[in-house]
Amino acid sequence: MPTVRGTIEAPPNVPDSATTVTIRVENVTRADTAAEIAGEQVLHDVSLRGLRFEVPVDTVDPGARYTVRVRAELTGGGELLTSQSVPVLTRGAPTEVTVPVTRV
C-alpha cells in the first residue's frame, strides 16, 4: 500500500494551532466531476509548525492524476487551505511533498 508523506507549510503570520487538520490524497483525473478521495488523515488539536503527515492510499491507478489537499481549522477561528496543486504518486510525481497553505 503506497503512502504519501509530507509537511504542511503554513504562513508565518497565522496562529500556531489548529483544532482539525484534514489531509486528503485525491484522484483528480476527471475534470468534470468531484475528485475521488483515495486516502485521508484527520488530525486534532495539533501545532501547525512543521506538521508532518502520512496518508495511506489503498489503490493507485497508474494512469490517474493524484494531488494532496489540506484544510486546517484554526484555533480561535479561520482556516487554511491548499494554495496550489501538489501532485503525488503517478506521472513521475513524488510520494514525499511539502504542501503550502494559505489563510482564507
Protein backbone atom coordinates (compact mmCIF):
# COMPACT_ATOMS: atom_id res chain seq x y z
CA MET A 1 0.00 0.00 0.00
CA PRO A 2 1.59 3.31 -1.05
CA THR A 3 1.80 6.13 1.49
CA VAL A 4 2.01 9.85 0.77
CA ARG A 5 4.14 11.67 3.34
CA GLY A 6 4.88 15.30 3.79
CA THR A 7 4.95 18.56 5.68
CA ILE A 8 2.38 21.33 5.81
CA GLU A 9 3.90 24.76 5.18
CA ALA A 10 1.81 27.42 6.96
CA PRO A 11 2.48 31.14 6.53
CA PRO A 12 4.32 32.77 9.45
CA ASN A 13 1.51 35.20 10.30
CA VAL A 14 -1.12 32.61 11.34
CA PRO A 15 -1.85 31.05 14.73
CA ASP A 16 0.31 28.04 15.54
CA SER A 17 -2.50 25.66 16.46
CA ALA A 18 -5.42 24.03 14.69
CA THR A 19 -8.42 22.18 16.04
CA THR A 20 -8.75 19.94 12.99
CA VAL A 21 -6.44 19.31 10.02
CA THR A 22 -7.72 17.16 7.16
CA ILE A 23 -5.20 15.89 4.62
CA ARG A 24 -6.56 14.14 1.53
CA VAL A 25 -5.00 12.41 -1.42
CA GLU A 26 -7.47 12.90 -4.26
CA ASN A 27 -7.81 11.38 -7.72
CA VAL A 28 -8.30 14.47 -9.88
CA THR A 29 -8.12 12.77 -13.27
CA ARG A 30 -11.63 13.74 -14.35
CA ALA A 31 -12.08 17.50 -14.56
CA ASP A 32 -15.86 17.37 -14.93
CA THR A 33 -16.60 15.52 -11.66
CA ALA A 34 -15.75 15.83 -7.97
CA ALA A 35 -12.37 14.42 -7.00
CA GLU A 36 -12.35 10.90 -5.57
CA ILE A 37 -10.78 10.57 -2.13
CA ALA A 38 -8.01 7.97 -2.39
CA GLY A 39 -6.79 8.41 1.19
CA GLU A 40 -7.32 10.67 4.18
CA GLN A 41 -5.76 11.56 7.52
CA VAL A 42 -7.53 13.74 10.12
CA LEU A 43 -5.52 15.26 12.98
CA HIS A 44 -6.99 17.02 16.02
CA ASP A 45 -5.54 19.72 18.30
CA VAL A 46 -2.14 19.99 16.65
CA SER A 47 0.61 22.57 16.17
CA LEU A 48 0.94 23.65 12.54
CA ARG A 49 4.66 24.41 12.67
CA GLY A 50 6.49 21.62 10.90
CA LEU A 51 3.37 19.41 10.93
CA ARG A 52 4.11 16.06 9.25
CA PHE A 53 1.51 13.74 7.79
CA GLU A 54 1.19 10.22 6.37
CA VAL A 55 -1.76 9.24 4.19
CA PRO A 56 -2.03 5.59 3.14
CA VAL A 57 -3.63 5.03 -0.27
CA ASP A 58 -5.30 1.67 -0.89
CA THR A 59 -5.29 1.57 -4.68
CA VAL A 60 -3.35 3.64 -7.22
CA ASP A 61 -4.30 3.75 -10.89
CA PRO A 62 -1.02 4.42 -12.74
CA GLY A 63 -2.90 6.36 -15.44
CA ALA A 64 -4.66 8.66 -12.95
CA ARG A 65 -3.58 12.03 -11.54
CA TYR A 66 -3.43 12.46 -7.75
CA THR A 67 -2.97 15.59 -5.65
CA VAL A 68 -2.83 16.43 -1.93
CA ARG A 69 -5.41 18.80 -0.46
CA VAL A 70 -5.21 20.25 3.07
CA ARG A 71 -7.84 22.04 5.16
CA ALA A 72 -6.90 23.29 8.63
CA GLU A 73 -9.44 24.81 11.02
CA LEU A 74 -7.50 27.28 13.16
CA THR A 75 -7.90 27.52 16.92
CA GLY A 76 -9.80 30.76 17.52
CA GLY A 77 -11.37 30.84 14.03
CA GLY A 78 -10.41 30.94 10.39
CA GLU A 79 -8.94 28.26 8.20
CA LEU A 80 -6.03 27.40 5.97
CA LEU A 81 -6.43 25.75 2.56
CA THR A 82 -4.06 24.29 0.00
CA SER A 83 -2.82 27.19 -2.11
CA GLN A 84 -1.58 25.27 -5.17
CA SER A 85 -1.82 21.88 -6.82
CA VAL A 86 0.54 19.35 -5.23
CA PRO A 87 0.82 16.26 -7.50
CA VAL A 88 1.74 12.89 -5.96
CA LEU A 89 2.10 9.17 -6.75
CA THR A 90 1.86 8.97 -10.56
CA ARG A 91 3.28 10.50 -13.74
CA GLY A 92 6.68 10.99 -12.12
CA ALA A 93 5.26 12.81 -9.06
CA PRO A 94 6.84 12.10 -5.65
CA THR A 95 5.38 10.40 -2.57
CA GLU A 96 7.06 12.93 -0.21
CA VAL A 97 5.87 16.56 -0.56
CA THR A 98 5.63 19.97 1.07
CA VAL A 99 2.10 21.38 0.95
CA PRO A 100 1.77 25.19 1.14
CA VAL A 101 -1.45 26.50 2.69
CA THR A 102 -2.97 29.98 2.74
CA ARG A 103 -5.36 31.62 5.20
CA VAL A 104 -8.88 32.18 3.86
